[in-house]
Amino acid sequence: MPSVDSIIKMSLYFNCSTDYLIGTRVDWKAEQIDRVIGRLSAENKEKLLEHAKLLLLKQEHDEENE
């Protein structure tokens, strides 16, 4: 069993939460996405939202045509 210090060092190295490493949290990608989005300017957040909406429309269109 790794020590607490080892778990913290691994979480820093792999850029994930300690919860993820010990298996109590699996939604680490959402955490990473929140971190990245939080660093964007307001203008770029708007652009990202518009792009996400377009991706969703394309996905729905593709699903209808399968």
C-alpha atoms as a PDB file:
ATOM      1  CA  MET A   1       0.000   0.000   0.000  1.00  0.00           C
ATOM      2  CA  PRO A   2       1.527   3.354  -1.026  1.00  0.00           C
ATOM      3  CA  SER A   3       2.015   6.084   1.551  1.00  0.00           C
ATOM      4  CA  VAL A   4      -0.021   9.279   1.503  1.00  0.00           C
ATOM      5  CA  ASP A   5       3.059  11.170   0.293  1.00  0.00           C
ATOM      6  CA  SER A   6       3.479   8.720  -2.601  1.00  0.00           C
ATOM      7  CA  ILE A   7      -0.172   9.102  -3.595  1.00  0.00           C
ATOM      8  CA  ILE A   8       0.146  12.886  -3.596  1.00  0.00           C
ATOM      9  CA  LYS A   9       3.315  12.727  -5.706  1.00  0.00           C
ATOM     10  CA  MET A  10       1.624  10.367  -8.180  1.00  0.00           C
ATOM     11  CA  SER A  11      -1.425  12.629  -8.445  1.00  0.00           C
ATOM     12  CA  LEU A  12       0.840  15.565  -9.275  1.00  0.00           C
ATOM     13  CA  TYR A  13       2.809  13.516 -11.791  1.00  0.00           C
ATOM     14  CA  PHE A  14      -0.281  12.133 -13.558  1.00  0.00           C
ATOM     15  CA  ASN A  15      -2.263  15.381 -13.160  1.00  0.00           C
ATOM     16  CA  CYS A  16      -5.233  13.693 -11.531  1.00  0.00           C
ATOM     17  CA  SER A  17      -6.897  13.709  -8.140  1.00  0.00           C
ATOM     18  CA  THR A  18      -5.851  11.473  -5.283  1.00  0.00           C
ATOM     19  CA  ASP A  19      -9.463  10.217  -5.244  1.00  0.00           C
ATOM     20  CA  TYR A  20      -8.976   8.873  -8.739  1.00  0.00           C
ATOM     21  CA  LEU A  21      -5.737   7.105  -7.834  1.00  0.00           C
ATOM     22  CA  ILE A  22      -7.260   5.278  -4.889  1.00  0.00           C
ATOM     23  CA  GLY A  23     -10.388   4.393  -6.826  1.00  0.00           C
ATOM     24  CA  THR A  24     -13.010   6.512  -5.100  1.00  0.00           C
ATOM     25  CA  ARG A  25     -13.493   8.927  -7.974  1.00  0.00           C
ATOM     26  CA  VAL A  26     -13.720   8.116 -11.646  1.00  0.00           C
ATOM     27  CA  ASP A  27     -14.774  11.482 -13.078  1.00  0.00           C
ATOM     28  CA  TRP A  28     -11.269  12.914 -13.371  1.00  0.00           C
ATOM     29  CA  LYS A  29     -11.754  14.080 -16.967  1.00  0.00           C
ATOM     30  CA  ALA A  30     -14.561  16.428 -15.897  1.00  0.00           C
ATOM     31  CA  GLU A  31     -12.186  17.839 -13.307  1.00  0.00           C
ATOM     32  CA  GLN A  32      -9.545  18.431 -15.988  1.00  0.00           C
ATOM     33  CA  ILE A  33     -12.087  20.029 -18.315  1.00  0.00           C
ATOM     34  CA  ASP A  34     -13.216  22.382 -15.540  1.00  0.00           C
ATOM     35  CA  ARG A  35      -9.604  23.371 -14.888  1.00  0.00           C
ATOM     36  CA  VAL A  36      -8.951  24.152 -18.556  1.00  0.00           C
ATOM     37  CA  ILE A  37     -12.206  26.034 -19.076  1.00  0.00           C
ATOM     38  CA  GLY A  38     -11.576  28.041 -15.934  1.00  0.00           C
ATOM     39  CA  ARG A  39      -8.393  29.400 -17.474  1.00  0.00           C
ATOM     40  CA  LEU A  40     -10.092  30.604 -20.672  1.00  0.00           C
ATOM     41  CA  SER A  41     -11.054  34.222 -21.235  1.00  0.00           C
ATOM     42  CA  ALA A  42     -14.757  35.090 -21.328  1.00  0.00           C
ATOM     43  CA  GLU A  43     -14.517  35.500 -25.112  1.00  0.00           C
ATOM     44  CA  ASN A  44     -12.964  32.069 -25.575  1.00  0.00           C
ATOM     45  CA  LYS A  45     -15.522  30.487 -23.242  1.00  0.00           C
ATOM     46  CA  GLU A  46     -18.245  31.811 -25.579  1.00  0.00           C
ATOM     47  CA  LYS A  47     -16.422  30.394 -28.608  1.00  0.00           C
ATOM     48  CA  LEU A  48     -16.066  27.042 -26.850  1.00  0.00           C
ATOM     49  CA  LEU A  49     -19.778  26.982 -26.038  1.00  0.00           C
ATOM     50  CA  GLU A  50     -20.707  27.695 -29.653  1.00  0.00           C
ATOM     51  CA  HIS A  51     -18.346  24.990 -30.871  1.00  0.00           C
ATOM     52  CA  ALA A  52     -19.806  22.499 -28.385  1.00  0.00           C
ATOM     53  CA  LYS A  53     -23.318  23.306 -29.601  1.00  0.00           C
ATOM     54  CA  LEU A  54     -22.249  22.657 -33.195  1.00  0.00           C
ATOM     55  CA  LEU A  55     -20.667  19.346 -32.215  1.00  0.00           C
ATOM     56  CA  LEU A  56     -23.864  18.318 -30.463  1.00  0.00           C
ATOM     57  CA  LEU A  57     -25.963  19.181 -33.523  1.00  0.00           C
ATOM     58  CA  LYS A  58     -23.627  17.154 -35.733  1.00  0.00           C
ATOM     59  CA  GLN A  59     -23.753  14.215 -33.333  1.00  0.00           C
ATOM     60  CA  GLU A  60     -27.546  14.269 -33.251  1.00  0.00           C
ATOM     61  CA  HIS A  61     -27.663  14.474 -37.064  1.00  0.00           C
ATOM     62  CA  ASP A  62     -25.254  11.541 -37.387  1.00  0.00           C
ATOM     63  CA  GLU A  63     -27.269   9.475 -34.910  1.00  0.00           C
ATOM     64  CA  GLU A  64     -30.476  10.122 -36.852  1.00  0.00           C
ATOM     65  CA  ASN A  65     -28.820   8.942 -40.072  1.00  0.00           C
ATOM     66  CA  GLU A  66     -27.409   5.689 -38.692  1.00  0.00           C
END
